[in-house]
Amino acid sequence: MKRFLPGWRGLTQLFAVTILPLTLLLLVIAFGGVNMHQQDMRALVGERDERAVQSSAAALESELHHRVATITSMAVLSSEDLTFEEIFATTNDLTKDFNGGIAFLNSDGHLLASTGNDRFWEWISKNAQSLSLATSSDREPVFSSPILDPNSGQLFVIISAYSASRDVIVAGAFSPETLAAVTLSATYPTGSQVTIYLLDKSRRLIFVSGELAQETLEPDHPGVTEALQGGSGVLYVKKDNTEHVVAYSPIELTGWALITEEEWEMVISPSLQLTQMAPLVVVPAFILALIAIWFGAKQIVQPLQRLESKAAALAWGDFEAIKESVGGISEVQHLQMELTEMSRKVQAAQDGLHDYIGAITSAQEDERMRLARELHDDTIQAVIALKQRVQLAQKAIKDQHGRQSLTELGTLAEQTIENLRRLIRALRPIYLEDLGLVTALDMLASETSQNNHLAVDFQNNGQEHRLSREVELSLYRIAQEALNNVVKHSKATHVELKIAFETSEIKMEVNDNGNGFVVPKSPTELAPSGYFGLLGIHERADLIGARLKMESALGKGTSLKVVLSELPS
């Protein structure tokens, strides 16, 4: 027996020195991996919920804007020579979103006509003075607080607009609960683990759904104050030995708050339980543990890393990146499917906004052209005639003092004519229509330099060729707005305006040596940061499919580049 002891001793030492430390290391790695996995999944669930609640809030706001447009349209129609019945007939397709009906009231709140729910509108008419309806001082439509219909017991919100030409109030009532149920069902289908709360600005619950739903919310419920103050984000809250993910976002048009809540462990607890059992397997299962680690790296960690990079690209507007499969386990694939569906809805909302911005931009340019024509055909001609009258009067007056006064008046008229012509050129770039983009940009640089004591260097490279009117006008307006920003904000002494016509793309740059600024991380931060000029530049570049790049640093100037890859003719 003794001769076997050295072998047993060696085996024990091998176990103590090698197998046991490896086993303990495996346990540490396994439990550490579980914890890291929990944190990563926790963060991903939080990001998913945050994006989902922001997308849902945007969808609700889009629906509210649609209803505002309907009421605005009816207010406009009321100024025409139409009866209320004719207006209702004309807007029949638009009024289906108002399940509480639409009514016309006079300025004192008396009911004139309605499309249905007569008892409700009669009650509104009797209590109009105490309700938040539009008045003659309101230029925009007004949202009321949720109103409880005493007949049906249902909550309604009224959108109202005042028509001055007819001295009437157009009011439409819709159920916020129905609106929320229909709009949010796409993002949060029936059976979802997510609990949804929709509150008005007085913290009143107007919609609630989900397994964890409460009839009332505490005043300090997580996310409520933040959302009502206009913030959006995600919070992790401990409740009953579990951690809940609370995502919140404001609905700025009405001042409402959208809150979602779910237990993030419910998404991943089955896989985590299996993973936590792995370290308890006996030593002979060590190889299986290695296989499990390889599987986790191959099917969970790497797919999650790829999904994380795609989610980051999605945040910058790359909607195609999220569609490419990252593989992995079904939970990761399901999470990607949810992100893909969310990106589709966000893209659809942005496409609608894109068309809306395009229409506004086109209308703005049309109005500029109309105003330029009126200034040229009427105002400037009148000033020219005034100058000629002054010159005739100079010849008739012999008094030296009178002639001097008329000379000063003539000089003032001449300056006014020049100012009007400069204004007309800014409103309607004639050089752009007649001579092309390069000549128009050259004249813009010259005028900016002369009028602001600023050195503007214009450079043109490549062979110019004409583009479509929309593209040329957008590039011109981008350069015009960029130079205006330099003049107003940068305190620069030198500016470079460059345009290059290359084989497959056009590049335009505006570089200055001004004081610079901190460029927002995302285009969505331009408006909250007050960079409305840059936001207009970004929207014009987006309308023509151009890539916009801004580089700036405090004290180091600013560089703005626009690259148009496809050249529509």
Protein backbone atom coordinates (compact mmCIF):
# COMPACT_ATOMS: atom_id res chain seq x y z
CA MET A 1 0.00 0.00 0.00
CA LYS A 2 2.77 2.40 0.78
CA ARG A 3 4.03 2.27 -2.72
CA PHE A 4 0.72 3.67 -3.85
CA LEU A 5 0.80 6.58 -1.39
CA PRO A 6 3.21 8.66 -3.44
CA GLY A 7 0.80 8.33 -6.32
CA TRP A 8 -2.16 9.33 -4.20
CA ARG A 9 -0.14 12.14 -2.69
CA GLY A 10 0.81 13.33 -6.16
CA LEU A 11 -2.81 13.11 -7.27
CA THR A 12 -3.90 15.13 -4.24
CA GLN A 13 -1.24 17.71 -4.90
CA LEU A 14 -2.25 17.78 -8.56
CA PHE A 15 -5.84 18.34 -7.48
CA ALA A 16 -4.88 20.93 -4.86
CA VAL A 17 -2.43 22.79 -7.05
CA THR A 18 -4.08 22.46 -10.48
CA ILE A 19 -7.61 21.10 -10.54
CA LEU A 20 -8.90 22.93 -7.46
CA PRO A 21 -7.55 26.36 -8.46
CA LEU A 22 -8.87 25.82 -11.98
CA THR A 23 -12.22 24.81 -10.55
CA LEU A 24 -12.27 27.84 -8.24
CA LEU A 25 -11.20 30.05 -11.13
CA LEU A 26 -13.98 28.54 -13.20
CA LEU A 27 -16.46 29.37 -10.45
CA VAL A 28 -15.15 32.93 -10.20
CA ILE A 29 -15.21 33.35 -13.96
CA ALA A 30 -18.65 31.78 -14.22
CA PHE A 31 -20.21 33.90 -11.47
CA GLY A 32 -18.36 36.97 -12.72
CA GLY A 33 -19.60 36.25 -16.23
CA VAL A 34 -23.14 35.88 -14.94
CA ASN A 35 -22.90 39.23 -13.19
CA MET A 36 -21.44 40.95 -16.26
CA HIS A 37 -24.08 39.30 -18.39
CA GLN A 38 -26.75 40.59 -16.04
CA GLN A 39 -25.38 44.12 -16.23
CA ASP A 40 -25.13 44.04 -20.02
CA MET A 41 -28.64 42.66 -20.41
CA ARG A 42 -29.88 45.13 -17.82
CA ALA A 43 -28.35 47.99 -19.82
CA LEU A 44 -29.71 46.66 -23.11
CA VAL A 45 -33.22 46.29 -21.71
CA GLY A 46 -32.97 49.83 -20.37
CA GLU A 47 -31.82 51.15 -23.76
CA ARG A 48 -34.57 49.22 -25.53
CA ASP A 49 -37.23 50.58 -23.17
CA GLU A 50 -35.87 54.12 -23.46
CA ARG A 51 -35.95 54.03 -27.26
CA ALA A 52 -39.36 52.38 -27.24
CA VAL A 53 -40.90 55.01 -24.96
CA GLN A 54 -39.35 57.83 -27.02
CA SER A 55 -40.69 56.26 -30.21
CA SER A 56 -44.13 55.82 -28.64
CA ALA A 57 -44.14 59.42 -27.38
CA ALA A 58 -43.22 60.60 -30.87
CA ALA A 59 -46.03 58.49 -32.34
CA LEU A 60 -48.54 59.99 -29.87
CA GLU A 61 -47.31 63.49 -30.63
CA SER A 62 -47.63 62.80 -34.36
CA GLU A 63 -51.25 61.73 -33.85
CA LEU A 64 -51.92 64.86 -31.78
CA HIS A 65 -50.37 67.05 -34.51
CA HIS A 66 -52.68 65.34 -37.01
CA ARG A 67 -55.71 66.27 -34.90
CA VAL A 68 -54.45 69.83 -34.50
CA ALA A 69 -54.13 70.06 -38.29
CA THR A 70 -57.72 68.88 -38.68
CA ILE A 71 -59.08 71.53 -36.29
CA THR A 72 -56.90 74.19 -37.93
CA SER A 73 -58.23 73.21 -41.36
CA MET A 74 -61.81 73.50 -40.15
CA ALA A 75 -61.06 76.90 -38.63
CA VAL A 76 -59.72 78.02 -42.00
CA LEU A 77 -62.76 76.64 -43.79
CA SER A 78 -65.03 78.49 -41.40
CA SER A 79 -63.69 81.77 -42.75
CA GLU A 80 -65.11 80.92 -46.16
CA ASP A 81 -68.69 81.28 -47.23
CA LEU A 82 -69.72 77.79 -46.14
CA THR A 83 -72.39 76.56 -43.77
CA PHE A 84 -71.41 74.42 -40.81
CA GLU A 85 -73.02 71.39 -42.48
CA GLU A 86 -70.96 72.00 -45.62
CA ILE A 87 -67.79 72.24 -43.54
CA PHE A 88 -68.63 68.97 -41.79
CA ALA A 89 -69.29 67.33 -45.15
CA THR A 90 -66.04 68.64 -46.61
CA THR A 91 -63.94 67.40 -43.67
CA ASN A 92 -65.79 64.15 -43.07
CA ASP A 93 -62.69 62.01 -43.67
CA LEU A 94 -60.59 64.17 -41.34
CA THR A 95 -62.95 64.09 -38.39
CA LYS A 96 -62.92 60.33 -37.78
CA ASP A 97 -60.13 60.75 -35.21
CA PHE A 98 -62.48 62.72 -32.93
CA ASN A 99 -64.62 60.01 -31.32
CA GLY A 100 -66.20 62.65 -29.10
CA GLY A 101 -67.40 64.65 -32.09
CA ILE A 102 -66.65 68.13 -33.45
CA ALA A 103 -68.63 71.28 -32.74
CA PHE A 104 -68.80 74.96 -33.59
CA LEU A 105 -69.44 77.37 -30.70
CA ASN A 106 -69.71 81.10 -30.67
CA SER A 107 -67.28 83.25 -28.71
CA ASP A 108 -69.56 83.02 -25.64
CA GLY A 109 -69.44 79.23 -25.76
CA HIS A 110 -72.98 78.62 -27.06
CA LEU A 111 -73.30 75.56 -29.27
CA LEU A 112 -73.94 76.33 -32.95
CA ALA A 113 -73.53 72.93 -34.61
CA SER A 114 -71.97 69.52 -33.89
CA THR A 115 -71.31 66.19 -35.60
CA GLY A 116 -72.56 63.98 -32.80
CA ASN A 117 -72.49 63.35 -29.04
CA ASP A 118 -74.96 66.22 -28.68
CA ARG A 119 -75.50 65.77 -24.95
CA PHE A 120 -71.78 66.11 -24.32
CA TRP A 121 -71.49 69.27 -26.43
CA GLU A 122 -74.56 70.78 -24.75
CA TRP A 123 -72.85 70.16 -21.42
CA ILE A 124 -69.65 71.77 -22.78
CA SER A 125 -71.69 74.75 -23.97
CA LYS A 126 -73.13 75.27 -20.50
CA ASN A 127 -69.70 75.02 -18.84
CA ALA A 128 -67.60 76.67 -21.56
CA GLN A 129 -66.49 79.54 -19.34
CA SER A 130 -64.77 77.18 -16.89
CA LEU A 131 -63.08 75.06 -19.58
CA SER A 132 -59.83 75.73 -21.42
CA LEU A 133 -61.18 76.61 -24.86
CA ALA A 134 -59.55 78.86 -27.46
CA THR A 135 -60.31 82.57 -27.32
CA SER A 136 -59.74 85.48 -29.67
CA SER A 137 -56.28 86.02 -28.13
CA ASP A 138 -55.09 82.51 -29.04
CA ARG A 139 -53.32 82.24 -32.38
CA GLU A 140 -52.69 78.51 -32.10
CA PRO A 141 -55.08 75.66 -31.25
CA VAL A 142 -55.54 75.00 -27.53
CA PHE A 143 -55.58 71.64 -25.71
CA SER A 144 -57.93 71.34 -22.76
CA SER A 145 -57.31 69.33 -19.64
CA PRO A 146 -59.00 65.90 -19.70
CA ILE A 147 -62.75 66.40 -19.22
CA LEU A 148 -65.04 63.74 -17.75
CA ASP A 149 -68.23 63.37 -19.78
CA PRO A 150 -71.01 63.25 -17.15
CA ASN A 151 -73.21 61.23 -19.53
CA SER A 152 -70.85 58.43 -20.61
CA GLY A 153 -68.30 58.67 -17.80
CA GLN A 154 -65.52 58.79 -20.42
CA LEU A 155 -62.54 61.16 -20.43
CA PHE A 156 -62.22 63.49 -23.40
CA VAL A 157 -59.61 66.07 -24.41
CA ILE A 158 -60.81 68.99 -26.51
CA ILE A 159 -58.70 70.70 -29.17
CA SER A 160 -60.12 74.11 -30.03
CA ALA A 161 -59.18 76.94 -32.38
CA TYR A 162 -60.64 80.42 -32.77
CA SER A 163 -61.72 81.72 -36.21
CA ALA A 164 -61.66 85.50 -36.11
CA SER A 165 -63.34 85.99 -39.46
CA ARG A 166 -66.47 84.22 -38.25
CA ASP A 167 -66.05 84.77 -34.52
CA VAL A 168 -66.53 81.07 -33.77
CA ILE A 169 -64.64 78.38 -31.92
CA VAL A 170 -63.97 75.07 -33.64
CA ALA A 171 -63.65 72.28 -31.04
CA GLY A 172 -63.00 68.56 -31.43
CA ALA A 173 -63.12 65.98 -28.63
CA PHE A 174 -61.18 62.73 -28.57
CA SER A 175 -60.60 60.07 -25.97
CA PRO A 176 -56.95 60.06 -24.83
CA GLU A 177 -57.44 56.50 -23.56
CA THR A 178 -58.55 55.31 -27.03
CA LEU A 179 -55.75 57.25 -28.70
CA ALA A 180 -53.13 55.72 -26.39
CA ALA A 181 -54.55 52.20 -26.68
CA VAL A 182 -54.49 52.27 -30.49
CA THR A 183 -51.17 54.10 -30.92
CA LEU A 184 -49.21 52.18 -28.28
CA SER A 185 -50.50 48.73 -29.24
CA ALA A 186 -47.97 48.52 -32.08
CA THR A 187 -44.99 49.01 -29.76
CA TYR A 188 -46.49 47.27 -26.72
CA PRO A 189 -48.72 44.41 -27.96
CA THR A 190 -51.20 42.57 -25.78
CA GLY A 191 -49.44 40.23 -23.37
CA SER A 192 -46.39 42.46 -23.07
CA GLN A 193 -44.61 42.55 -19.71
CA VAL A 194 -44.51 46.34 -19.87
CA THR A 195 -46.82 48.49 -17.76
CA ILE A 196 -47.75 51.81 -19.35
CA TYR A 197 -48.88 55.05 -17.68
CA LEU A 198 -49.97 58.19 -19.52
CA LEU A 199 -50.41 61.27 -17.33
CA ASP A 200 -51.49 64.81 -18.08
CA LYS A 201 -49.54 67.81 -16.81
CA SER A 202 -51.53 67.82 -13.55
CA ARG A 203 -50.29 64.22 -12.88
CA ARG A 204 -53.72 62.76 -13.60
CA LEU A 205 -53.72 59.25 -15.05
CA ILE A 206 -55.48 59.22 -18.42
CA PHE A 207 -54.35 55.78 -19.60
CA VAL A 208 -52.91 52.73 -17.84
CA SER A 209 -52.16 49.25 -19.11
CA GLY A 210 -50.17 46.20 -18.03
CA GLU A 211 -49.79 43.59 -15.29
CA LEU A 212 -48.23 45.98 -12.75
CA ALA A 213 -50.75 48.76 -13.43
CA GLN A 214 -51.98 50.86 -10.50
CA GLU A 215 -55.11 52.96 -10.45
CA THR A 216 -53.19 55.86 -8.91
CA LEU A 217 -49.53 56.82 -8.91
CA GLU A 218 -47.60 58.24 -6.00
CA PRO A 219 -46.52 61.88 -6.49
CA ASP A 220 -42.89 60.78 -6.29
CA HIS A 221 -43.24 57.85 -8.70
CA PRO A 222 -39.95 57.53 -10.63
CA GLY A 223 -39.84 59.31 -13.96
CA VAL A 224 -43.04 61.37 -13.56
CA THR A 225 -41.42 64.64 -12.46
CA GLU A 226 -38.61 64.27 -14.97
CA ALA A 227 -40.98 63.65 -17.90
CA LEU A 228 -43.31 66.51 -16.93
CA GLN A 229 -40.27 68.78 -16.89
CA GLY A 230 -39.48 67.79 -20.48
CA GLY A 231 -36.80 65.16 -19.86
CA SER A 232 -36.54 61.63 -21.18
CA GLY A 233 -34.46 58.72 -19.96
CA VAL A 234 -34.50 55.51 -17.97
CA LEU A 235 -34.31 54.70 -14.25
CA TYR A 236 -33.64 51.44 -12.40
CA VAL A 237 -35.80 51.10 -9.29
CA LYS A 238 -35.73 48.40 -6.61
CA LYS A 239 -39.19 46.97 -5.84
CA ASP A 240 -40.02 43.84 -3.83
CA ASN A 241 -36.56 42.24 -4.22
CA THR A 242 -36.63 42.87 -7.98
CA GLU A 243 -35.35 45.69 -10.11
CA HIS A 244 -37.72 47.53 -12.43
CA VAL A 245 -36.77 49.50 -15.51
CA VAL A 246 -38.73 52.77 -15.63
CA ALA A 247 -38.50 54.61 -18.96
CA TYR A 248 -40.06 58.03 -19.40
CA SER A 249 -40.52 60.62 -22.14
CA PRO A 250 -42.51 63.86 -22.48
CA ILE A 251 -45.22 64.63 -25.01
CA GLU A 252 -44.29 68.25 -25.45
CA LEU A 253 -47.31 69.35 -27.46
CA THR A 254 -49.67 68.73 -24.53
CA GLY A 255 -47.26 68.61 -21.60
CA TRP A 256 -48.16 64.97 -20.91
CA ALA A 257 -45.82 62.29 -19.63
CA LEU A 258 -45.46 58.70 -20.89
CA ILE A 259 -44.05 56.21 -18.36
CA THR A 260 -43.28 52.51 -18.90
CA GLU A 261 -42.22 50.00 -16.27
CA GLU A 262 -41.16 46.36 -16.34
CA GLU A 263 -39.00 43.87 -14.46
CA TRP A 264 -35.89 43.55 -16.58
CA GLU A 265 -35.05 40.16 -15.03
CA MET A 266 -38.20 38.74 -16.67
CA VAL A 267 -36.49 39.09 -20.05
CA ILE A 268 -33.42 37.05 -19.20
CA SER A 269 -34.08 35.06 -16.02
CA PRO A 270 -34.40 31.60 -17.70
CA SER A 271 -31.02 31.85 -19.42
CA LEU A 272 -29.37 33.27 -16.30
CA GLN A 273 -30.66 30.40 -14.14
CA LEU A 274 -29.15 27.88 -16.52
CA THR A 275 -25.89 29.82 -16.56
CA GLN A 276 -25.76 29.97 -12.77
CA MET A 277 -26.15 26.20 -12.56
CA ALA A 278 -23.11 25.62 -14.76
CA PRO A 279 -20.47 26.28 -12.04
CA LEU A 280 -22.13 23.66 -9.83
CA VAL A 281 -21.44 20.88 -12.27
CA VAL A 282 -18.84 18.42 -11.03
CA VAL A 283 -15.29 18.46 -12.30
CA PRO A 284 -15.89 15.88 -15.06
CA ALA A 285 -18.24 18.45 -16.59
CA PHE A 286 -15.34 20.89 -16.92
CA ILE A 287 -15.15 20.30 -20.66
CA LEU A 288 -18.87 20.97 -20.92
CA ALA A 289 -18.26 24.21 -19.06
CA LEU A 290 -15.62 25.17 -21.61
CA ILE A 291 -18.07 24.37 -24.38
CA ALA A 292 -20.67 26.46 -22.59
CA ILE A 293 -18.22 29.36 -22.33
CA TRP A 294 -17.43 29.06 -26.03
CA PHE A 295 -21.13 28.92 -26.84
CA GLY A 296 -21.79 31.97 -24.69
CA ALA A 297 -19.04 33.93 -26.42
CA LYS A 298 -20.19 32.80 -29.84
CA GLN A 299 -23.94 33.02 -29.39
CA ILE A 300 -24.43 35.71 -26.74
CA VAL A 301 -21.48 38.04 -26.15
CA GLN A 302 -20.40 38.55 -29.75
CA PRO A 303 -23.97 38.99 -31.04
CA LEU A 304 -24.64 41.46 -28.24
CA GLN A 305 -21.50 43.39 -29.14
CA ARG A 306 -22.51 43.50 -32.79
CA LEU A 307 -26.03 44.52 -31.77
CA GLU A 308 -24.61 47.26 -29.55
CA SER A 309 -22.61 48.72 -32.44
CA LYS A 310 -25.68 48.57 -34.68
CA ALA A 311 -27.78 50.26 -31.99
CA ALA A 312 -25.17 53.03 -31.82
CA ALA A 313 -25.40 53.42 -35.62
CA LEU A 314 -29.19 53.51 -35.31
CA ALA A 315 -28.92 56.40 -32.86
CA TRP A 316 -27.19 58.40 -35.65
CA GLY A 317 -29.92 57.64 -38.17
CA ASP A 318 -28.49 54.54 -39.93
CA PHE A 319 -31.74 52.58 -40.19
CA GLU A 320 -30.29 49.91 -42.49
CA ALA A 321 -27.53 48.76 -40.11
CA ILE A 322 -29.96 47.31 -37.56
CA LYS A 323 -31.59 45.08 -40.20
CA GLU A 324 -28.50 42.91 -40.76
CA SER A 325 -28.78 39.81 -38.57
CA VAL A 326 -26.29 39.50 -35.69
CA GLY A 327 -27.15 35.84 -34.99
CA GLY A 328 -26.98 34.57 -31.43
CA ILE A 329 -29.60 33.07 -29.17
CA SER A 330 -33.30 33.64 -29.67
CA GLU A 331 -33.46 36.34 -26.97
CA VAL A 332 -30.81 38.39 -28.78
CA GLN A 333 -32.57 37.83 -32.10
CA HIS A 334 -35.88 38.83 -30.53
CA LEU A 335 -34.27 41.96 -29.10
CA GLN A 336 -32.92 42.79 -32.55
CA MET A 337 -36.37 42.25 -34.07
CA GLU A 338 -37.82 44.68 -31.54
CA LEU A 339 -35.12 47.25 -32.35
CA THR A 340 -35.72 46.72 -36.08
CA GLU A 341 -39.45 47.29 -35.69
CA MET A 342 -38.79 50.34 -33.56
CA SER A 343 -36.39 51.71 -36.19
CA ARG A 344 -39.03 51.16 -38.89
CA LYS A 345 -41.53 53.24 -36.96
CA VAL A 346 -39.00 55.96 -36.22
CA GLN A 347 -37.98 56.03 -39.89
CA ALA A 348 -41.62 56.27 -40.96
CA ALA A 349 -42.14 59.16 -38.57
CA GLN A 350 -38.99 60.86 -39.88
CA ASP A 351 -40.08 60.33 -43.51
CA GLY A 352 -43.37 62.05 -42.73
CA LEU A 353 -41.51 64.86 -41.02
CA HIS A 354 -39.13 65.02 -44.00
CA ASP A 355 -42.03 65.58 -46.39
CA TYR A 356 -43.52 68.16 -44.05
CA ILE A 357 -40.23 70.07 -43.81
CA GLY A 358 -39.85 69.89 -47.60
CA ALA A 359 -43.30 71.38 -48.07
CA ILE A 360 -42.56 74.15 -45.56
CA THR A 361 -39.22 74.91 -47.23
CA SER A 362 -40.85 75.05 -50.67
CA ALA A 363 -43.59 77.33 -49.37
CA GLN A 364 -40.96 79.53 -47.74
CA GLU A 365 -39.06 79.91 -51.01
CA ASP A 366 -42.28 80.67 -52.89
CA GLU A 367 -43.13 83.36 -50.36
CA ARG A 368 -39.64 84.84 -50.67
CA MET A 369 -40.02 85.02 -54.45
CA ARG A 370 -43.44 86.62 -54.15
CA LEU A 371 -42.15 89.19 -51.68
CA ALA A 372 -39.11 89.90 -53.89
CA ARG A 373 -41.37 90.46 -56.89
CA GLU A 374 -43.60 92.83 -54.96
CA LEU A 375 -40.61 94.80 -53.67
CA HIS A 376 -39.16 95.00 -57.18
CA ASP A 377 -42.38 95.80 -59.02
CA ASP A 378 -43.98 98.12 -56.49
CA THR A 379 -41.80 99.40 -53.68
CA ILE A 380 -38.52 100.00 -55.49
CA GLN A 381 -40.32 101.59 -58.47
CA ALA A 382 -42.07 103.97 -56.11
CA VAL A 383 -38.74 104.96 -54.50
CA ILE A 384 -37.18 105.46 -57.96
CA ALA A 385 -40.11 107.71 -58.92
CA LEU A 386 -39.62 109.59 -55.66
CA LYS A 387 -35.94 110.14 -56.49
CA GLN A 388 -36.86 111.46 -59.96
CA ARG A 389 -39.38 113.87 -58.40
CA VAL A 390 -36.65 115.09 -56.07
CA GLN A 391 -34.33 115.71 -59.01
CA LEU A 392 -37.05 117.68 -60.83
CA ALA A 393 -37.72 119.69 -57.70
CA GLN A 394 -33.98 120.52 -57.43
CA LYS A 395 -34.09 122.16 -60.82
CA ALA A 396 -37.13 124.24 -59.91
CA ILE A 397 -35.91 125.50 -56.52
CA LYS A 398 -33.40 128.36 -56.50
CA ASP A 399 -32.89 128.58 -52.75
CA GLN A 400 -29.52 127.05 -51.84
CA HIS A 401 -30.73 125.69 -48.51
CA GLY A 402 -33.74 124.01 -50.18
CA ARG A 403 -31.53 122.52 -52.89
CA GLN A 404 -29.22 121.10 -50.20
CA SER A 405 -32.16 119.47 -48.39
CA LEU A 406 -33.40 117.94 -51.64
CA THR A 407 -29.90 116.66 -52.39
CA GLU A 408 -29.83 114.90 -49.02
CA LEU A 409 -33.30 113.49 -49.70
CA GLY A 410 -32.13 112.23 -53.12
CA THR A 411 -29.09 110.56 -51.52
CA LEU A 412 -31.34 108.89 -48.95
CA ALA A 413 -33.64 107.66 -51.72
CA GLU A 414 -30.65 106.26 -53.63
CA GLN A 415 -29.44 104.42 -50.50
CA THR A 416 -32.92 103.04 -49.97
CA ILE A 417 -33.00 101.77 -53.55
CA GLU A 418 -29.66 100.04 -53.07
CA ASN A 419 -30.79 98.47 -49.77
CA LEU A 420 -33.99 97.25 -51.40
CA ARG A 421 -32.05 95.72 -54.28
CA ARG A 422 -29.73 93.95 -51.85
CA LEU A 423 -32.77 92.66 -49.94
CA ILE A 424 -34.35 91.45 -53.19
CA ARG A 425 -31.15 89.62 -54.14
CA ALA A 426 -31.14 87.92 -50.72
CA LEU A 427 -34.78 86.90 -51.08
CA ARG A 428 -34.52 85.86 -54.71
CA PRO A 429 -31.00 85.07 -55.93
CA ILE A 430 -31.35 86.19 -59.55
CA TYR A 431 -27.77 85.20 -60.34
CA LEU A 432 -28.61 81.63 -59.34
CA GLU A 433 -31.46 81.39 -61.82
CA ASP A 434 -29.69 83.09 -64.70
CA LEU A 435 -25.96 82.36 -64.32
CA GLY A 436 -25.75 79.25 -62.14
CA LEU A 437 -24.59 78.22 -58.69
CA VAL A 438 -20.92 79.22 -58.95
CA THR A 439 -21.68 82.80 -60.04
CA ALA A 440 -24.36 83.12 -57.35
CA LEU A 441 -21.95 81.92 -54.63
CA ASP A 442 -19.25 84.27 -55.93
CA MET A 443 -21.66 87.23 -55.73
CA LEU A 444 -22.82 86.10 -52.27
CA ALA A 445 -19.21 86.04 -51.05
CA SER A 446 -18.54 89.49 -52.52
CA GLU A 447 -21.65 91.08 -51.00
CA THR A 448 -20.99 89.49 -47.60
CA SER A 449 -17.43 90.80 -47.67
CA GLN A 450 -18.46 94.33 -48.72
CA ASN A 451 -21.37 94.71 -46.30
CA ASN A 452 -19.69 93.30 -43.18
CA HIS A 453 -15.98 94.23 -43.50
CA LEU A 454 -15.15 90.53 -43.56
CA ALA A 455 -12.62 88.89 -45.88
CA VAL A 456 -14.52 86.18 -47.78
CA ASP A 457 -12.41 84.11 -50.16
CA PHE A 458 -14.40 82.19 -52.80
CA GLN A 459 -12.83 79.24 -54.60
CA ASN A 460 -14.26 77.11 -57.41
CA ASN A 461 -12.69 73.84 -58.55
CA GLY A 462 -13.76 71.55 -61.37
CA GLN A 463 -16.08 72.01 -64.32
CA GLU A 464 -19.41 73.49 -63.28
CA HIS A 465 -22.61 71.92 -64.57
CA ARG A 466 -26.16 72.92 -63.80
CA LEU A 467 -28.16 70.95 -61.26
CA SER A 468 -31.86 70.84 -60.52
CA ARG A 469 -33.41 74.04 -59.18
CA GLU A 470 -34.06 72.45 -55.78
CA VAL A 471 -30.45 71.28 -55.36
CA GLU A 472 -28.90 74.59 -56.47
CA LEU A 473 -31.24 76.59 -54.28
CA SER A 474 -30.58 74.35 -51.26
CA LEU A 475 -26.78 74.61 -51.66
CA TYR A 476 -27.08 78.39 -52.06
CA ARG A 477 -29.25 78.75 -48.97
CA ILE A 478 -26.86 76.54 -46.96
CA ALA A 479 -23.94 78.79 -47.92
CA GLN A 480 -26.04 81.90 -47.22
CA GLU A 481 -27.05 80.68 -43.74
CA ALA A 482 -23.48 79.56 -42.96
CA LEU A 483 -22.10 83.00 -43.85
CA ASN A 484 -24.85 84.68 -41.81
CA ASN A 485 -23.85 82.55 -38.82
CA VAL A 486 -20.22 83.60 -39.28
CA VAL A 487 -21.18 87.27 -39.40
CA LYS A 488 -23.52 87.11 -36.40
CA HIS A 489 -21.75 84.72 -34.03
CA SER A 490 -18.18 83.74 -34.90
CA LYS A 491 -16.32 87.09 -34.70
CA ALA A 492 -14.19 85.81 -37.58
CA THR A 493 -11.91 87.95 -39.73
CA HIS A 494 -11.53 85.54 -42.64
CA VAL A 495 -13.87 83.03 -44.29
CA GLU A 496 -13.30 80.53 -47.09
CA LEU A 497 -16.23 79.50 -49.30
CA LYS A 498 -15.30 76.60 -51.57
CA ILE A 499 -17.18 74.49 -54.08
CA ALA A 500 -15.70 71.59 -56.05
CA PHE A 501 -17.34 69.73 -58.93
CA GLU A 502 -15.85 66.25 -59.03
CA THR A 503 -16.67 63.19 -61.11
CA SER A 504 -19.12 61.57 -58.75
CA GLU A 505 -19.91 64.23 -56.17
CA ILE A 506 -20.05 67.90 -55.31
CA LYS A 507 -18.34 69.30 -52.22
CA MET A 508 -19.04 72.68 -50.65
CA GLU A 509 -17.15 74.03 -47.63
CA VAL A 510 -17.41 77.09 -45.40
CA ASN A 511 -14.38 77.56 -43.12
CA ASP A 512 -13.81 80.47 -40.73
CA ASN A 513 -11.21 81.47 -38.14
CA GLY A 514 -13.76 82.55 -35.55
CA ASN A 515 -14.21 81.64 -31.91
CA GLY A 516 -15.85 78.26 -32.65
CA PHE A 517 -18.33 76.33 -30.52
CA VAL A 518 -19.03 72.87 -29.10
CA VAL A 519 -20.74 70.82 -31.81
CA PRO A 520 -23.72 68.80 -30.47
CA LYS A 521 -23.24 65.03 -30.52
CA SER A 522 -26.41 64.41 -32.52
CA PRO A 523 -28.62 66.44 -34.90
CA THR A 524 -31.47 66.01 -32.40
CA GLU A 525 -29.56 68.26 -29.96
CA LEU A 526 -29.38 71.23 -32.36
CA ALA A 527 -32.81 72.67 -31.50
CA PRO A 528 -32.54 72.23 -27.68
CA SER A 529 -29.08 73.87 -27.85
CA GLY A 530 -30.49 76.87 -29.73
CA TYR A 531 -28.64 76.22 -33.01
CA PHE A 532 -31.66 76.84 -35.22
CA GLY A 533 -29.56 78.10 -38.13
CA LEU A 534 -27.53 74.89 -38.12
CA LEU A 535 -30.75 72.92 -37.82
CA GLY A 536 -32.04 74.63 -40.98
CA ILE A 537 -28.77 73.79 -42.75
CA HIS A 538 -29.06 70.15 -41.65
CA GLU A 539 -32.67 69.94 -42.86
CA ARG A 540 -31.83 71.47 -46.26
CA ALA A 541 -28.93 69.05 -46.71
CA ASP A 542 -31.16 66.16 -45.74
CA LEU A 543 -33.85 67.24 -48.23
CA ILE A 544 -31.44 66.87 -51.16
CA GLY A 545 -29.76 63.72 -49.84
CA ALA A 546 -26.43 65.40 -49.00
CA ARG A 547 -24.05 64.48 -46.18
CA LEU A 548 -23.36 67.26 -43.67
CA LYS A 549 -20.28 67.37 -41.46
CA MET A 550 -19.55 70.06 -38.87
CA GLU A 551 -16.23 70.44 -37.09
CA SER A 552 -15.55 73.13 -34.52
CA ALA A 553 -13.70 73.79 -31.30
CA LEU A 554 -13.61 76.76 -28.97
CA GLY A 555 -11.05 79.24 -30.24
CA LYS A 556 -10.23 77.20 -33.37
CA GLY A 557 -12.88 78.24 -35.85
CA THR A 558 -15.57 76.22 -37.59
CA SER A 559 -15.65 74.04 -40.70
CA LEU A 560 -18.90 73.07 -42.42
CA LYS A 561 -18.83 70.56 -45.29
CA VAL A 562 -21.66 69.45 -47.57
CA VAL A 563 -21.11 66.46 -49.86
CA LEU A 564 -23.67 65.54 -52.52
CA SER A 565 -22.86 62.10 -53.94
CA GLU A 566 -25.72 61.74 -56.40
CA LEU A 567 -26.10 64.60 -58.83
CA PRO A 568 -29.74 64.97 -59.90
CA SER A 569 -30.07 67.00 -63.08
